[in-house]
Amino acid sequence: MALPAEIEPVEAASLLAASAPGDCLLLDCRTTEEYATAKIGRAQLIPMQDLPERIGELEAWRDRRIIVHCHHGVRSLRVTNWLREQGFAEAQSLRGGIEAWS
């Protein structure tokens, strides 16, 4: 059964806390400037506009959970849908983004 496209912040926090770093990737798709202002500890930054040329960096995560986040959850949902189209079936968007996470 496919995972829902979005994951609630509480569920994502529990999942990340319970998983080893290699089990789940937290992907920040915001800009470098936004990342410099505020970030979530384990997040890896790949800005949305850079993703098509940097998708190879995610190859190890093709069959594992990826939680994508942005500021409010709009860009991350677009990135999640794009990743799923590229074969990353376990990608999910953090509902409400870093705003809801805080």
N, C-alpha and C. Protein backbone atom coordinates (compact mmCIF):
# COMPACT_ATOMS: atom_id res chain seq x y z
N MET A 1 0.83 -1.18 0.00
CA MET A 1 0.00 0.00 0.00
C MET A 1 0.88 1.25 0.00
N ALA A 2 0.56 2.18 -0.84
CA ALA A 2 1.38 3.40 -0.96
C ALA A 2 1.20 4.31 0.25
N LEU A 3 2.27 4.98 0.60
CA LEU A 3 2.22 5.96 1.68
C LEU A 3 1.44 7.18 1.21
N PRO A 4 0.76 7.88 2.14
CA PRO A 4 0.11 9.13 1.74
C PRO A 4 1.17 10.14 1.29
N ALA A 5 0.77 11.08 0.45
CA ALA A 5 1.72 12.08 -0.07
C ALA A 5 2.24 13.01 1.02
N GLU A 6 1.46 13.18 2.09
CA GLU A 6 1.89 14.08 3.17
C GLU A 6 1.97 13.32 4.49
N ILE A 7 2.84 13.83 5.36
CA ILE A 7 3.01 13.27 6.70
C ILE A 7 2.89 14.42 7.70
N GLU A 8 2.21 14.16 8.80
CA GLU A 8 2.02 15.18 9.84
C GLU A 8 3.34 15.40 10.58
N PRO A 9 3.62 16.61 11.04
CA PRO A 9 4.86 16.89 11.76
C PRO A 9 5.10 15.98 12.97
N VAL A 10 4.08 15.70 13.75
CA VAL A 10 4.24 14.84 14.93
C VAL A 10 4.67 13.44 14.51
N GLU A 11 4.03 12.91 13.47
CA GLU A 11 4.38 11.58 12.96
C GLU A 11 5.81 11.57 12.40
N ALA A 12 6.17 12.62 11.68
CA ALA A 12 7.52 12.72 11.11
C ALA A 12 8.56 12.79 12.22
N ALA A 13 8.29 13.57 13.26
CA ALA A 13 9.24 13.69 14.38
C ALA A 13 9.43 12.35 15.07
N SER A 14 8.36 11.61 15.28
CA SER A 14 8.45 10.28 15.90
C SER A 14 9.24 9.33 15.02
N LEU A 15 8.95 9.36 13.73
CA LEU A 15 9.64 8.48 12.77
C LEU A 15 11.14 8.78 12.75
N LEU A 16 11.50 10.05 12.69
CA LEU A 16 12.91 10.43 12.66
C LEU A 16 13.60 10.08 13.97
N ALA A 17 12.92 10.26 15.10
CA ALA A 17 13.51 9.94 16.40
C ALA A 17 13.76 8.44 16.55
N ALA A 18 12.89 7.64 15.98
CA ALA A 18 12.98 6.18 16.12
C ALA A 18 13.87 5.52 15.07
N SER A 19 14.27 6.26 14.05
CA SER A 19 15.04 5.65 12.96
C SER A 19 16.51 6.04 13.02
N ALA A 20 17.32 5.13 12.52
CA ALA A 20 18.75 5.42 12.38
C ALA A 20 18.90 6.41 11.22
N PRO A 21 20.00 7.20 11.21
CA PRO A 21 20.18 8.18 10.13
C PRO A 21 20.08 7.60 8.72
N GLY A 22 20.42 6.36 8.51
CA GLY A 22 20.36 5.76 7.18
C GLY A 22 18.99 5.22 6.80
N ASP A 23 18.03 5.29 7.73
CA ASP A 23 16.70 4.72 7.46
C ASP A 23 15.74 5.71 6.84
N CYS A 24 15.94 6.99 7.14
CA CYS A 24 14.98 8.00 6.71
C CYS A 24 15.74 9.30 6.41
N LEU A 25 15.48 9.89 5.26
CA LEU A 25 16.13 11.14 4.88
C LEU A 25 15.16 12.29 5.04
N LEU A 26 15.61 13.33 5.72
CA LEU A 26 14.84 14.58 5.80
C LEU A 26 15.46 15.52 4.78
N LEU A 27 14.71 15.83 3.74
CA LEU A 27 15.20 16.63 2.62
C LEU A 27 14.59 18.03 2.67
N ASP A 28 15.43 19.03 2.78
CA ASP A 28 15.00 20.44 2.80
C ASP A 28 15.10 20.96 1.37
N CYS A 29 13.96 21.39 0.81
CA CYS A 29 13.97 21.85 -0.58
C CYS A 29 13.88 23.37 -0.68
N ARG A 30 14.15 24.07 0.43
CA ARG A 30 14.10 25.53 0.43
C ARG A 30 15.39 26.10 -0.17
N THR A 31 15.48 27.41 -0.22
CA THR A 31 16.68 28.06 -0.75
C THR A 31 17.79 28.03 0.29
N THR A 32 19.00 28.29 -0.16
CA THR A 32 20.16 28.35 0.73
C THR A 32 19.96 29.42 1.80
N GLU A 33 19.37 30.54 1.40
CA GLU A 33 19.12 31.64 2.34
C GLU A 33 18.13 31.23 3.43
N GLU A 34 17.06 30.55 3.03
CA GLU A 34 16.08 30.08 4.01
C GLU A 34 16.71 29.07 4.97
N TYR A 35 17.54 28.19 4.43
CA TYR A 35 18.22 27.17 5.23
C TYR A 35 19.15 27.82 6.25
N ALA A 36 19.82 28.90 5.85
CA ALA A 36 20.73 29.60 6.75
C ALA A 36 19.98 30.26 7.91
N THR A 37 18.72 30.62 7.68
CA THR A 37 17.91 31.28 8.71
C THR A 37 17.40 30.29 9.76
N ALA A 38 16.91 29.14 9.32
CA ALA A 38 16.37 28.13 10.22
C ALA A 38 16.46 26.76 9.56
N LYS A 39 16.82 25.76 10.33
CA LYS A 39 16.91 24.41 9.76
C LYS A 39 16.55 23.37 10.81
N ILE A 40 16.21 22.19 10.33
CA ILE A 40 15.95 21.04 11.19
C ILE A 40 17.22 20.20 11.17
N GLY A 41 17.69 19.83 12.34
CA GLY A 41 18.97 19.15 12.53
C GLY A 41 19.45 18.18 11.47
N ARG A 42 18.70 17.13 11.19
CA ARG A 42 19.17 16.09 10.27
C ARG A 42 18.91 16.39 8.80
N ALA A 43 18.37 17.55 8.49
CA ALA A 43 17.96 17.84 7.12
C ALA A 43 19.14 18.00 6.16
N GLN A 44 18.98 17.45 4.97
CA GLN A 44 19.95 17.65 3.88
C GLN A 44 19.32 18.66 2.92
N LEU A 45 20.07 19.71 2.61
CA LEU A 45 19.57 20.75 1.72
C LEU A 45 19.85 20.44 0.26
N ILE A 46 18.79 20.37 -0.52
CA ILE A 46 18.88 20.39 -1.98
C ILE A 46 17.73 21.29 -2.43
N PRO A 47 18.03 22.55 -2.76
CA PRO A 47 16.97 23.47 -3.17
C PRO A 47 16.15 22.91 -4.34
N MET A 48 14.85 23.19 -4.32
CA MET A 48 13.93 22.66 -5.32
C MET A 48 14.45 22.88 -6.74
N GLN A 49 14.97 24.06 -7.03
CA GLN A 49 15.42 24.35 -8.39
C GLN A 49 16.67 23.56 -8.79
N ASP A 50 17.40 23.05 -7.81
CA ASP A 50 18.61 22.26 -8.09
C ASP A 50 18.34 20.76 -8.20
N LEU A 51 17.18 20.33 -7.77
CA LEU A 51 16.90 18.90 -7.67
C LEU A 51 17.05 18.12 -8.98
N PRO A 52 16.53 18.62 -10.11
CA PRO A 52 16.69 17.82 -11.33
C PRO A 52 18.14 17.47 -11.66
N GLU A 53 19.06 18.40 -11.44
CA GLU A 53 20.47 18.12 -11.75
C GLU A 53 21.19 17.38 -10.62
N ARG A 54 20.59 17.35 -9.42
CA ARG A 54 21.23 16.71 -8.26
C ARG A 54 20.51 15.44 -7.81
N ILE A 55 19.57 14.95 -8.61
CA ILE A 55 18.78 13.79 -8.19
C ILE A 55 19.64 12.56 -7.93
N GLY A 56 20.78 12.48 -8.59
CA GLY A 56 21.69 11.36 -8.35
C GLY A 56 22.12 11.24 -6.90
N GLU A 57 22.15 12.36 -6.18
CA GLU A 57 22.51 12.35 -4.76
C GLU A 57 21.49 11.61 -3.92
N LEU A 58 20.31 11.40 -4.47
CA LEU A 58 19.25 10.72 -3.73
C LEU A 58 19.10 9.25 -4.12
N GLU A 59 19.90 8.77 -5.04
CA GLU A 59 19.73 7.42 -5.56
C GLU A 59 19.71 6.36 -4.46
N ALA A 60 20.54 6.52 -3.44
CA ALA A 60 20.58 5.54 -2.33
C ALA A 60 19.25 5.50 -1.57
N TRP A 61 18.42 6.52 -1.74
CA TRP A 61 17.15 6.62 -1.03
C TRP A 61 15.96 6.19 -1.88
N ARG A 62 16.20 5.66 -3.05
CA ARG A 62 15.11 5.32 -3.97
C ARG A 62 14.06 4.41 -3.32
N ASP A 63 14.47 3.47 -2.49
CA ASP A 63 13.54 2.52 -1.87
C ASP A 63 13.38 2.77 -0.37
N ARG A 64 13.79 3.94 0.08
CA ARG A 64 13.67 4.27 1.51
C ARG A 64 12.86 5.54 1.69
N ARG A 65 12.50 5.81 2.91
CA ARG A 65 11.64 6.96 3.24
C ARG A 65 12.39 8.27 3.06
N ILE A 66 11.78 9.20 2.36
CA ILE A 66 12.27 10.57 2.22
C ILE A 66 11.14 11.49 2.67
N ILE A 67 11.43 12.33 3.65
CA ILE A 67 10.47 13.34 4.09
C ILE A 67 10.99 14.68 3.60
N VAL A 68 10.22 15.31 2.72
CA VAL A 68 10.62 16.57 2.10
C VAL A 68 9.94 17.71 2.85
N HIS A 69 10.71 18.76 3.14
CA HIS A 69 10.08 19.91 3.78
C HIS A 69 10.54 21.22 3.15
N CYS A 70 9.67 22.22 3.29
CA CYS A 70 9.96 23.59 2.86
C CYS A 70 9.47 24.50 3.97
N HIS A 71 9.04 25.70 3.66
CA HIS A 71 8.58 26.63 4.69
C HIS A 71 7.15 26.29 5.15
N HIS A 72 6.21 26.20 4.20
CA HIS A 72 4.81 25.96 4.56
C HIS A 72 4.23 24.65 4.02
N GLY A 73 4.98 23.91 3.21
CA GLY A 73 4.51 22.63 2.70
C GLY A 73 4.04 22.62 1.26
N VAL A 74 4.07 23.77 0.59
CA VAL A 74 3.61 23.84 -0.80
C VAL A 74 4.70 23.31 -1.75
N ARG A 75 5.90 23.88 -1.64
CA ARG A 75 7.01 23.43 -2.50
C ARG A 75 7.34 21.96 -2.23
N SER A 76 7.33 21.58 -0.95
CA SER A 76 7.70 20.20 -0.62
C SER A 76 6.70 19.20 -1.20
N LEU A 77 5.43 19.56 -1.29
CA LEU A 77 4.46 18.66 -1.90
C LEU A 77 4.73 18.55 -3.40
N ARG A 78 5.08 19.65 -4.04
CA ARG A 78 5.45 19.60 -5.47
C ARG A 78 6.67 18.71 -5.67
N VAL A 79 7.69 18.87 -4.80
CA VAL A 79 8.90 18.06 -4.90
C VAL A 79 8.58 16.58 -4.64
N THR A 80 7.74 16.32 -3.65
CA THR A 80 7.34 14.94 -3.35
C THR A 80 6.67 14.29 -4.55
N ASN A 81 5.73 14.99 -5.15
CA ASN A 81 5.05 14.44 -6.33
C ASN A 81 6.03 14.20 -7.47
N TRP A 82 6.98 15.12 -7.67
CA TRP A 82 7.99 14.95 -8.71
C TRP A 82 8.87 13.74 -8.41
N LEU A 83 9.31 13.61 -7.14
CA LEU A 83 10.15 12.47 -6.76
C LEU A 83 9.40 11.15 -6.99
N ARG A 84 8.14 11.13 -6.65
CA ARG A 84 7.35 9.90 -6.87
C ARG A 84 7.28 9.57 -8.37
N GLU A 85 7.16 10.58 -9.20
CA GLU A 85 7.17 10.36 -10.65
C GLU A 85 8.51 9.79 -11.13
N GLN A 86 9.58 10.11 -10.39
CA GLN A 86 10.92 9.62 -10.74
C GLN A 86 11.20 8.24 -10.13
N GLY A 87 10.24 7.68 -9.42
CA GLY A 87 10.39 6.34 -8.85
C GLY A 87 10.72 6.29 -7.37
N PHE A 88 10.65 7.41 -6.69
CA PHE A 88 10.90 7.46 -5.24
C PHE A 88 9.56 7.34 -4.52
N ALA A 89 9.02 6.12 -4.48
CA ALA A 89 7.66 5.87 -3.98
C ALA A 89 7.48 6.18 -2.51
N GLU A 90 8.57 6.19 -1.74
CA GLU A 90 8.48 6.41 -0.29
C GLU A 90 8.62 7.89 0.08
N ALA A 91 8.62 8.79 -0.89
CA ALA A 91 8.74 10.22 -0.61
C ALA A 91 7.43 10.75 -0.04
N GLN A 92 7.55 11.61 0.97
CA GLN A 92 6.39 12.26 1.57
C GLN A 92 6.74 13.71 1.87
N SER A 93 5.72 14.55 1.85
CA SER A 93 5.88 15.96 2.17
C SER A 93 5.49 16.21 3.62
N LEU A 94 6.27 17.02 4.31
CA LEU A 94 5.95 17.40 5.69
C LEU A 94 4.82 18.44 5.64
N ARG A 95 3.63 18.04 6.08
CA ARG A 95 2.45 18.92 6.02
C ARG A 95 2.70 20.16 6.88
N GLY A 96 2.58 21.33 6.25
CA GLY A 96 2.78 22.59 6.98
C GLY A 96 4.22 23.06 7.04
N GLY A 97 5.15 22.25 6.53
CA GLY A 97 6.56 22.64 6.45
C GLY A 97 7.23 22.88 7.79
N ILE A 98 8.36 23.59 7.74
CA ILE A 98 9.14 23.88 8.93
C ILE A 98 8.35 24.77 9.89
N GLU A 99 7.41 25.53 9.35
CA GLU A 99 6.53 26.38 10.16
C GLU A 99 5.72 25.50 11.14
N ALA A 100 5.11 24.43 10.62
CA ALA A 100 4.34 23.52 11.45
C ALA A 100 5.25 22.69 12.36
N TRP A 101 6.43 22.35 11.87
CA TRP A 101 7.39 21.57 12.65
C TRP A 101 7.76 22.30 13.94
N SER A 102 7.98 23.61 13.83
CA SER A 102 8.40 24.37 15.02
C SER A 102 7.27 24.49 16.01
